[in-house]
Structures are given as structure tokens and as C-alpha cells.
């Protein structure tokens, strides 16, 4: 996971997502997952485009089993979108940047700068 994506753990997940004043996109990933690595660069770009209007975070699904299980993440990458601490969208699998921006758009306050 890249530097601008906050890494969450079983211990920090609820506090980060619950305290967020913006929508939060959480990427459940694994070190061995090729599509996860491809998605990482896309999420880095989107994080830069959305700036402070969206929080992007990651959860290593192999290490944080409690959170991974709690949200029924069965395959990686899986993206979960939270608004006001509530899960509003689930996306499974890697997608190109445009498709991901479109899929997330309805749940995010401000469209990304093109």
C-alpha cells in the first residue's frame, strides 16, 4: 500500500472510520495479490485527486482477520465505502481508474478532478 493511504488494523479500524468527517474508501488487500498491487497505484492517484474530500485507507486482510471477517471480505481486492461510519458500497475486484471513479462517484461528495 502506498504512503498516502492510511493503513488500518483490527485495533484502529472502528476509530478511524467512525471519526471520519468525509467518506472513507477502505481497500482490503493482501501482499500476495497481484490485482491488489495494480489497484494500489489507482487508489494513490484517486487519493491525490479527491484530496481532503475522501479518506482512503487499507487493511491487510491476511493480518487483520477480525475486521476482514466482520465485513465478510471473501476475496481481495475488496473496496468498502463508508459514510458516517455506515457501509454504503462494496466493490470486489480490481478496476481501471475511470471505472472505479464512476463506481465510487455516487457515494462521494465531490467528483475527482479530471
C-alpha atoms as a PDB file:
ATOM      1  CA  UNK A   1       0.000   0.000   0.000  1.00  0.00           C
ATOM      2  CA  UNK A   2       1.190   3.481  -0.800  1.00  0.00           C
ATOM      3  CA  UNK A   3       2.175   6.256   1.545  1.00  0.00           C
ATOM      4  CA  UNK A   4      -0.945   8.424   1.214  1.00  0.00           C
ATOM      5  CA  UNK A   5      -3.279   5.567   2.139  1.00  0.00           C
ATOM      6  CA  UNK A   6      -3.698   5.168   5.885  1.00  0.00           C
ATOM      7  CA  UNK A   7      -3.099   1.591   6.976  1.00  0.00           C
ATOM      8  CA  UNK A   8      -5.730   0.353   9.411  1.00  0.00           C
ATOM      9  CA  UNK A   9      -5.682  -2.625  11.745  1.00  0.00           C
ATOM     10  CA  UNK A  10      -8.272  -4.517  13.760  1.00  0.00           C
ATOM     11  CA  UNK A  11      -7.454  -2.117  16.595  1.00  0.00           C
ATOM     12  CA  UNK A  12      -7.689   1.162  14.623  1.00  0.00           C
ATOM     13  CA  UNK A  13     -10.425   0.453  12.077  1.00  0.00           C
ATOM     14  CA  UNK A  14     -13.519   1.477  14.054  1.00  0.00           C
ATOM     15  CA  UNK A  15     -11.972   4.644  15.442  1.00  0.00           C
ATOM     16  CA  UNK A  16     -10.722   5.835  12.032  1.00  0.00           C
ATOM     17  CA  UNK A  17     -13.899   5.053  10.096  1.00  0.00           C
ATOM     18  CA  UNK A  18     -16.209   6.242  12.881  1.00  0.00           C
ATOM     19  CA  UNK A  19     -14.392   9.553  13.381  1.00  0.00           C
ATOM     20  CA  UNK A  20     -14.113  10.379   9.676  1.00  0.00           C
ATOM     21  CA  UNK A  21     -15.876  13.564   8.592  1.00  0.00           C
ATOM     22  CA  UNK A  22     -15.629  12.534   4.941  1.00  0.00           C
ATOM     23  CA  UNK A  23     -16.497   9.328   3.096  1.00  0.00           C
ATOM     24  CA  UNK A  24     -13.902   6.595   3.638  1.00  0.00           C
ATOM     25  CA  UNK A  25     -12.800   4.125   0.958  1.00  0.00           C
ATOM     26  CA  UNK A  26     -11.178   1.076   2.558  1.00  0.00           C
ATOM     27  CA  UNK A  27      -9.137  -1.294   0.410  1.00  0.00           C
ATOM     28  CA  UNK A  28      -8.886  -4.850   1.756  1.00  0.00           C
ATOM     29  CA  UNK A  29      -5.721  -6.239   0.190  1.00  0.00           C
ATOM     30  CA  UNK A  30      -3.027  -8.897   0.605  1.00  0.00           C
ATOM     31  CA  UNK A  31       0.699  -8.849  -0.118  1.00  0.00           C
ATOM     32  CA  UNK A  32       0.478 -11.889  -2.431  1.00  0.00           C
ATOM     33  CA  UNK A  33      -2.374 -10.409  -4.517  1.00  0.00           C
ATOM     34  CA  UNK A  34      -1.321  -9.158  -7.964  1.00  0.00           C
ATOM     35  CA  UNK A  35      -4.559  -7.258  -8.694  1.00  0.00           C
ATOM     36  CA  UNK A  36      -4.224  -5.587  -5.269  1.00  0.00           C
ATOM     37  CA  UNK A  37      -0.849  -4.169  -6.291  1.00  0.00           C
ATOM     38  CA  UNK A  38      -2.309  -2.822  -9.530  1.00  0.00           C
ATOM     39  CA  UNK A  39      -5.223  -1.258  -7.647  1.00  0.00           C
ATOM     40  CA  UNK A  40      -2.833   0.344  -5.164  1.00  0.00           C
ATOM     41  CA  UNK A  41      -1.482   2.786  -7.753  1.00  0.00           C
ATOM     42  CA  UNK A  42      -5.011   3.634  -8.912  1.00  0.00           C
ATOM     43  CA  UNK A  43      -6.079   4.364  -5.325  1.00  0.00           C
ATOM     44  CA  UNK A  44      -2.983   6.532  -4.817  1.00  0.00           C
ATOM     45  CA  UNK A  45      -3.965   8.595  -7.865  1.00  0.00           C
ATOM     46  CA  UNK A  46      -7.579   8.897  -6.731  1.00  0.00           C
ATOM     47  CA  UNK A  47      -6.473   9.901  -3.229  1.00  0.00           C
ATOM     48  CA  UNK A  48      -4.456  12.709  -4.792  1.00  0.00           C
ATOM     49  CA  UNK A  49      -7.375  13.806  -6.951  1.00  0.00           C
ATOM     50  CA  UNK A  50     -10.001  13.763  -4.218  1.00  0.00           C
ATOM     51  CA  UNK A  51      -7.682  15.389  -1.670  1.00  0.00           C
ATOM     52  CA  UNK A  52      -9.338  16.069   1.675  1.00  0.00           C
ATOM     53  CA  UNK A  53     -12.871  15.271   0.473  1.00  0.00           C
ATOM     54  CA  UNK A  54     -12.385  11.485   0.761  1.00  0.00           C
ATOM     55  CA  UNK A  55     -10.232   9.384   3.091  1.00  0.00           C
ATOM     56  CA  UNK A  56      -8.523   6.374   1.527  1.00  0.00           C
ATOM     57  CA  UNK A  57      -7.343   3.554   3.773  1.00  0.00           C
ATOM     58  CA  UNK A  58      -6.147  -0.019   3.534  1.00  0.00           C
ATOM     59  CA  UNK A  59      -6.492  -3.193   5.577  1.00  0.00           C
ATOM     60  CA  UNK A  60      -4.084  -6.099   5.132  1.00  0.00           C
ATOM     61  CA  UNK A  61      -6.630  -8.913   5.060  1.00  0.00           C
ATOM     62  CA  UNK A  62      -4.067 -11.573   5.984  1.00  0.00           C
ATOM     63  CA  UNK A  63      -3.080  -9.791   9.205  1.00  0.00           C
ATOM     64  CA  UNK A  64      -6.374  -8.219  10.297  1.00  0.00           C
ATOM     65  CA  UNK A  65      -8.619 -11.253  10.268  1.00  0.00           C
ATOM     66  CA  UNK A  66     -11.208  -9.898  12.705  1.00  0.00           C
ATOM     67  CA  UNK A  67     -12.081  -6.878  10.534  1.00  0.00           C
ATOM     68  CA  UNK A  68     -11.847  -8.889   7.323  1.00  0.00           C
ATOM     69  CA  UNK A  69     -14.272 -11.476   8.708  1.00  0.00           C
ATOM     70  CA  UNK A  70     -16.606  -8.881  10.221  1.00  0.00           C
ATOM     71  CA  UNK A  71     -17.221  -7.344   6.801  1.00  0.00           C
ATOM     72  CA  UNK A  72     -17.424 -10.734   5.037  1.00  0.00           C
ATOM     73  CA  UNK A  73     -14.470  -9.994   2.776  1.00  0.00           C
ATOM     74  CA  UNK A  74     -14.029 -13.253   0.883  1.00  0.00           C
ATOM     75  CA  UNK A  75     -11.661 -12.139  -1.871  1.00  0.00           C
ATOM     76  CA  UNK A  76      -9.170  -9.371  -2.454  1.00  0.00           C
ATOM     77  CA  UNK A  77      -9.092  -6.700  -3.507  1.00  0.00           C
ATOM     78  CA  UNK A  78     -12.384  -5.594  -1.978  1.00  0.00           C
ATOM     79  CA  UNK A  79     -13.232  -1.921  -1.538  1.00  0.00           C
ATOM     80  CA  UNK A  80     -15.740  -0.828   1.084  1.00  0.00           C
ATOM     81  CA  UNK A  81     -17.123   2.702   1.122  1.00  0.00           C
ATOM     82  CA  UNK A  82     -18.320   4.169   4.420  1.00  0.00           C
ATOM     83  CA  UNK A  83     -20.302   7.356   5.031  1.00  0.00           C
ATOM     84  CA  UNK A  84     -20.836   8.468   8.615  1.00  0.00           C
ATOM     85  CA  UNK A  85     -19.451   5.123   9.773  1.00  0.00           C
ATOM     86  CA  UNK A  86     -22.008   3.136   7.747  1.00  0.00           C
ATOM     87  CA  UNK A  87     -21.112   0.777   4.911  1.00  0.00           C
ATOM     88  CA  UNK A  88     -22.756   2.099   1.727  1.00  0.00           C
ATOM     89  CA  UNK A  89     -20.922   0.328  -1.117  1.00  0.00           C
ATOM     90  CA  UNK A  90     -18.904  -2.840  -1.749  1.00  0.00           C
ATOM     91  CA  UNK A  91     -16.746  -3.370  -4.828  1.00  0.00           C
ATOM     92  CA  UNK A  92     -14.946  -6.672  -5.395  1.00  0.00           C
ATOM     93  CA  UNK A  93     -12.028  -6.930  -7.784  1.00  0.00           C
ATOM     94  CA  UNK A  94      -9.611  -4.518  -9.396  1.00  0.00           C
ATOM     95  CA  UNK A  95     -10.954  -1.947 -11.852  1.00  0.00           C
ATOM     96  CA  UNK A  96      -9.414   0.666 -14.113  1.00  0.00           C
ATOM     97  CA  UNK A  97      -9.301   4.180 -12.712  1.00  0.00           C
ATOM     98  CA  UNK A  98     -12.222   5.532 -14.755  1.00  0.00           C
ATOM     99  CA  UNK A  99     -14.482   2.618 -13.877  1.00  0.00           C
ATOM    100  CA  UNK A 100     -13.545   2.889 -10.216  1.00  0.00           C
ATOM    101  CA  UNK A 101     -14.153   6.652 -10.162  1.00  0.00           C
ATOM    102  CA  UNK A 102     -17.577   6.068 -11.739  1.00  0.00           C
ATOM    103  CA  UNK A 103     -18.482   3.267  -9.318  1.00  0.00           C
ATOM    104  CA  UNK A 104     -17.476   5.352  -6.299  1.00  0.00           C
ATOM    105  CA  UNK A 105     -18.891   8.638  -7.585  1.00  0.00           C
ATOM    106  CA  UNK A 106     -22.428   8.257  -6.318  1.00  0.00           C
ATOM    107  CA  UNK A 107     -21.141   7.876  -2.731  1.00  0.00           C
ATOM    108  CA  UNK A 108     -18.530  10.626  -2.679  1.00  0.00           C
ATOM    109  CA  UNK A 109     -19.257  14.311  -2.089  1.00  0.00           C
ATOM    110  CA  UNK A 110     -17.094  15.850  -4.784  1.00  0.00           C
ATOM    111  CA  UNK A 111     -16.152  14.419  -8.156  1.00  0.00           C
ATOM    112  CA  UNK A 112     -12.459  13.897  -8.732  1.00  0.00           C
ATOM    113  CA  UNK A 113     -10.596  16.458 -10.779  1.00  0.00           C
ATOM    114  CA  UNK A 114     -10.081  15.150 -14.286  1.00  0.00           C
END
